[in-house]
Amino acid sequence: MQVVLSERVKTALNTLSRDDRERAHTWFGYLRNWEEDAFVKSRSVTLDVQGQSVYMFRTSTEVRIFYTVDLQNKTVHVIDIATKDTILSSGTVSTGGS
């Protein structure tokens, strides 16, 4: 699958440490194999955002990746990337205790 990063994600990547940026690119690689990668699916939570399925990938660090999947066009759209602390401080998304 093709992975497309939103402008928001491209900007957010610049705020991460070098290590987190490199990890993020590795995670984007996992998303590229979304259809076959059981690890990605097991670490992702489906969220209902205004009637649309948005997934939150719980990485092995405090970083969370939000994305949508378009199976017809074989595309993963990464729409946001944030740290767990940022999400919790916003109070709008439950992380399911992970």
Protein backbone atom coordinates (compact mmCIF):
# COMPACT_ATOMS: atom_id res chain seq x y z
CA MET A 1 0.00 0.00 0.00
CA GLN A 2 1.06 3.56 -0.59
CA VAL A 3 1.56 5.69 2.54
CA VAL A 4 0.66 9.37 2.19
CA LEU A 5 1.68 11.82 4.91
CA SER A 6 -0.43 14.89 5.59
CA GLU A 7 1.23 18.30 5.84
CA ARG A 8 0.44 18.20 9.56
CA VAL A 9 2.46 14.98 9.91
CA LYS A 10 5.36 16.34 7.87
CA THR A 11 5.47 19.36 10.18
CA ALA A 12 5.11 17.28 13.34
CA LEU A 13 8.02 15.04 12.30
CA ASN A 14 10.28 18.07 12.54
CA THR A 15 9.38 18.49 16.22
CA LEU A 16 10.40 14.93 17.12
CA SER A 17 13.85 13.89 18.22
CA ARG A 18 16.06 12.32 15.56
CA ASP A 19 15.49 8.87 17.09
CA ASP A 20 11.70 9.31 17.11
CA ARG A 21 11.78 10.58 13.51
CA GLU A 22 13.71 7.48 12.41
CA ARG A 23 11.29 5.26 14.34
CA ALA A 24 8.33 7.05 12.73
CA HIS A 25 9.66 6.24 9.26
CA THR A 26 10.02 2.61 10.33
CA TRP A 27 6.41 2.62 11.55
CA PHE A 28 5.28 4.15 8.25
CA GLY A 29 6.95 1.14 6.63
CA TYR A 30 4.80 -1.15 8.80
CA LEU A 31 1.72 0.77 7.65
CA ARG A 32 2.78 0.16 4.04
CA ASN A 33 2.16 -3.54 4.74
CA TRP A 34 -1.10 -2.91 6.59
CA GLU A 35 -3.06 -5.63 4.81
CA GLU A 36 -0.62 -8.40 5.79
CA ASP A 37 0.94 -7.05 9.00
CA ALA A 38 -0.73 -8.58 12.06
CA PHE A 39 1.51 -6.50 14.34
CA VAL A 40 0.17 -3.20 12.97
CA LYS A 41 -3.42 -4.37 13.26
CA SER A 42 -2.93 -5.67 16.80
CA ARG A 43 -1.40 -2.35 17.91
CA SER A 44 -4.07 -0.20 16.21
CA VAL A 45 -7.36 0.91 17.72
CA THR A 46 -10.30 1.88 15.51
CA LEU A 47 -11.83 5.25 16.36
CA ASP A 48 -15.10 6.62 15.00
CA VAL A 49 -14.40 10.22 13.96
CA GLN A 50 -17.49 11.89 12.53
CA GLY A 51 -18.66 8.60 11.04
CA GLN A 52 -15.28 7.71 9.53
CA SER A 53 -12.97 4.94 10.74
CA VAL A 54 -9.67 6.40 11.88
CA TYR A 55 -7.00 4.15 13.34
CA MET A 56 -4.61 4.99 16.14
CA PHE A 57 -1.37 3.00 15.95
CA ARG A 58 0.08 2.58 19.44
CA THR A 59 3.80 2.49 18.78
CA SER A 60 6.39 1.06 21.17
CA THR A 61 7.10 4.60 22.44
CA GLU A 62 4.87 7.48 23.52
CA VAL A 63 4.19 8.38 19.87
CA ARG A 64 0.76 7.62 18.42
CA ILE A 65 0.03 7.63 14.68
CA PHE A 66 -3.45 8.38 13.36
CA TYR A 67 -4.33 7.09 9.92
CA THR A 68 -7.09 6.03 7.57
CA VAL A 69 -7.06 3.13 5.13
CA ASP A 70 -8.47 3.24 1.61
CA LEU A 71 -8.50 -0.40 0.51
CA GLN A 72 -9.94 0.38 -2.91
CA ASN A 73 -7.02 2.69 -3.75
CA LYS A 74 -4.52 0.74 -1.62
CA THR A 75 -3.55 3.87 0.31
CA VAL A 76 -2.85 4.60 3.96
CA HIS A 77 -3.30 8.29 4.79
CA VAL A 78 -1.33 9.28 7.89
CA ILE A 79 -3.32 12.24 9.16
CA ASP A 80 -1.62 13.01 12.48
CA ILE A 81 1.18 11.99 14.79
CA ALA A 82 1.28 12.95 18.45
CA THR A 83 2.71 11.91 21.77
CA LYS A 84 0.53 10.12 24.30
CA ASP A 85 0.93 13.07 26.71
CA THR A 86 -0.36 15.53 24.10
CA ILE A 87 -3.39 13.33 23.45
CA LEU A 88 -4.16 12.91 27.15
CA SER A 89 -3.82 16.63 27.80
CA SER A 90 -6.32 17.38 25.04
CA GLY A 91 -8.87 15.09 26.69
CA THR A 92 -10.50 14.15 23.38
CA VAL A 93 -9.18 10.64 22.68
CA SER A 94 -9.13 7.62 24.95
CA THR A 95 -5.97 5.54 24.59
CA GLY A 96 -7.57 2.41 25.99
CA GLY A 97 -5.09 2.22 28.85
CA SER A 98 -2.09 1.53 26.61
